[in-house]
Protein backbone atom coordinates (compact mmCIF):
# COMPACT_ATOMS: atom_id res chain seq x y z
CA MET A 1 7.14 -7.40 1.94
CA ILE A 2 3.61 -6.36 2.88
CA GLU A 3 3.53 -5.64 6.60
CA LEU A 4 0.49 -3.54 7.38
CA VAL A 5 -3.14 -2.92 6.44
CA SER A 6 -4.48 0.02 8.43
CA ALA A 7 -8.10 -0.69 9.32
CA GLU A 8 -8.47 2.98 10.31
CA ARG A 9 -7.63 4.17 6.78
CA CYS A 10 -9.07 1.33 4.69
CA ILE A 11 -12.33 2.00 2.83
CA GLY A 12 -12.81 -1.59 1.65
CA CYS A 13 -12.41 -0.79 -2.05
CA ASP A 14 -10.55 -4.08 -2.72
CA ARG A 15 -7.99 -2.46 -5.05
CA CYS A 16 -5.15 -4.20 -3.19
CA ILE A 17 -6.86 -7.55 -3.61
CA GLU A 18 -7.38 -6.88 -7.33
CA VAL A 19 -3.85 -5.73 -8.19
CA CYS A 20 -1.82 -8.22 -6.16
CA PRO A 21 -0.18 -10.62 -8.62
CA THR A 22 0.32 -13.34 -5.98
CA ARG A 23 -3.06 -13.05 -4.19
CA VAL A 24 -1.62 -12.13 -0.81
CA PHE A 25 -4.91 -10.70 0.51
CA ASP A 26 -8.28 -12.10 1.48
CA ARG A 27 -11.30 -9.92 2.17
CA GLY A 28 -11.85 -9.78 5.90
CA HIS A 29 -15.25 -10.31 7.49
CA ASP A 30 -15.37 -6.57 8.22
CA GLY A 31 -14.43 -5.61 4.64
CA VAL A 32 -10.82 -4.78 5.48
CA PRO A 33 -8.32 -6.88 3.52
CA VAL A 34 -6.33 -9.40 5.54
CA ILE A 35 -2.74 -10.39 4.78
CA ALA A 36 -3.48 -14.08 4.30
CA ARG A 37 -0.41 -15.27 2.40
CA GLN A 38 2.44 -12.95 3.34
CA ASP A 39 4.99 -15.54 2.24
CA THR A 40 3.83 -15.11 -1.39
CA CYS A 41 4.45 -11.33 -1.39
CA GLN A 42 6.93 -10.33 -4.09
CA THR A 43 7.47 -6.83 -2.64
CA CYS A 44 6.22 -5.36 -5.93
CA PHE A 45 4.50 -2.45 -4.10
CA GLN A 46 1.43 -2.65 -6.38
CA CYS A 47 -1.00 -2.85 -3.45
CA GLU A 48 0.55 0.20 -1.82
CA ALA A 49 0.68 2.10 -5.11
CA TYR A 50 -3.00 1.55 -5.91
CA CYS A 51 -4.42 2.09 -2.41
CA PRO A 52 -6.39 5.36 -2.64
CA THR A 53 -6.27 5.97 1.12
CA ASP A 54 -2.65 5.01 1.83
CA ALA A 55 -3.78 2.22 4.14
CA LEU A 56 -0.98 -0.21 3.25
CA PHE A 57 2.71 -0.40 4.00
CA VAL A 58 5.13 -2.56 2.07
CA ALA A 59 8.51 -2.75 3.79
CA PRO A 60 11.60 -3.03 1.62
CA LEU A 61 12.32 -6.46 3.11
CA THR A 62 12.53 -9.94 1.63
CA ALA A 63 11.20 -11.66 4.75
CA PRO A 64 8.47 -10.72 7.23
CA ALA A 65 9.45 -8.17 9.86
CA ALA A 66 9.86 -9.45 13.40
CA GLY A 67 7.10 -8.89 15.92
CA GLY A 68 7.38 -5.43 17.45
CA SER A 69 9.15 -4.10 14.36
CA PRO A 70 8.61 -0.43 13.47
CA HIS A 71 7.50 -1.76 10.05
CA ARG A 72 4.32 -2.98 11.74
CA ASP A 73 3.55 0.13 13.81
CA ALA A 74 0.75 2.00 12.01
CA HIS A 75 1.01 5.14 14.14
CA GLY A 76 4.80 5.25 13.85
CA LEU A 77 4.67 4.76 10.09
CA GLU A 78 2.04 7.49 9.77
CA ALA A 79 4.05 9.90 11.93
CA ALA A 80 7.14 9.23 9.81
CA GLY A 81 5.17 9.92 6.63
CA LEU A 82 5.71 6.40 5.34
CA LEU A 83 2.06 5.45 4.80
CA GLY A 84 1.48 6.46 1.19
CA GLY A 85 5.18 7.12 0.66
CA TYR A 86 5.41 4.94 -2.43
CA ARG A 87 2.39 6.65 -4.03
CA ARG A 88 3.99 10.04 -3.43
CA GLU A 89 7.21 8.84 -5.07
CA LEU A 90 5.17 7.79 -8.09
CA GLY A 91 3.40 11.14 -8.13
CA TRP A 92 0.05 9.54 -7.37
CA GLY A 93 -0.46 11.02 -3.90
CA GLY A 94 -2.31 14.12 -2.79
CA GLY A 95 -5.73 13.03 -3.98
CA ARG A 96 -4.71 12.94 -7.63
CA PRO A 97 -6.57 10.35 -9.68
CA LEU A 98 -4.63 7.35 -10.88
CA GLY A 99 -3.78 7.22 -14.56
CA ALA A 100 -1.28 8.09 -17.23
CA ARG A 101 -2.20 11.78 -17.39
CA THR A 102 -1.28 12.30 -13.75
CA ALA A 103 2.13 10.73 -14.33
CA VAL A 104 3.06 13.47 -16.82
CA GLY A 105 5.14 16.12 -15.11
CA PRO A 106 5.49 19.84 -15.86
CA GLU A 107 8.30 19.10 -18.31
CA TYR A 108 5.68 17.50 -20.59
CA PRO A 109 2.81 20.00 -20.84
CA ASP A 110 -0.40 19.16 -22.70
């Protein structure tokens, strides 16, 4: 379930808003997406996968985390290397552009 949008990392590109299949986000007055409908989150990780600045955290939970949960602590998640963790697992991290060519590993050379 989506738990965090880091205003410090967000660049207001709206990719999370665009890719979310259940329209969880609204654009905030400051340009930073707001989790407006957390209860509709399907935990599909698409928002986290497509965020170019690793500003989102989707917890592997089926219900919202309790207040004070480590899943809502931006600094703790960053220190643990969890912000952008899903993108790294996909091979999309490290400033690599999104797309099919970047998904091809060394075992499949050009």
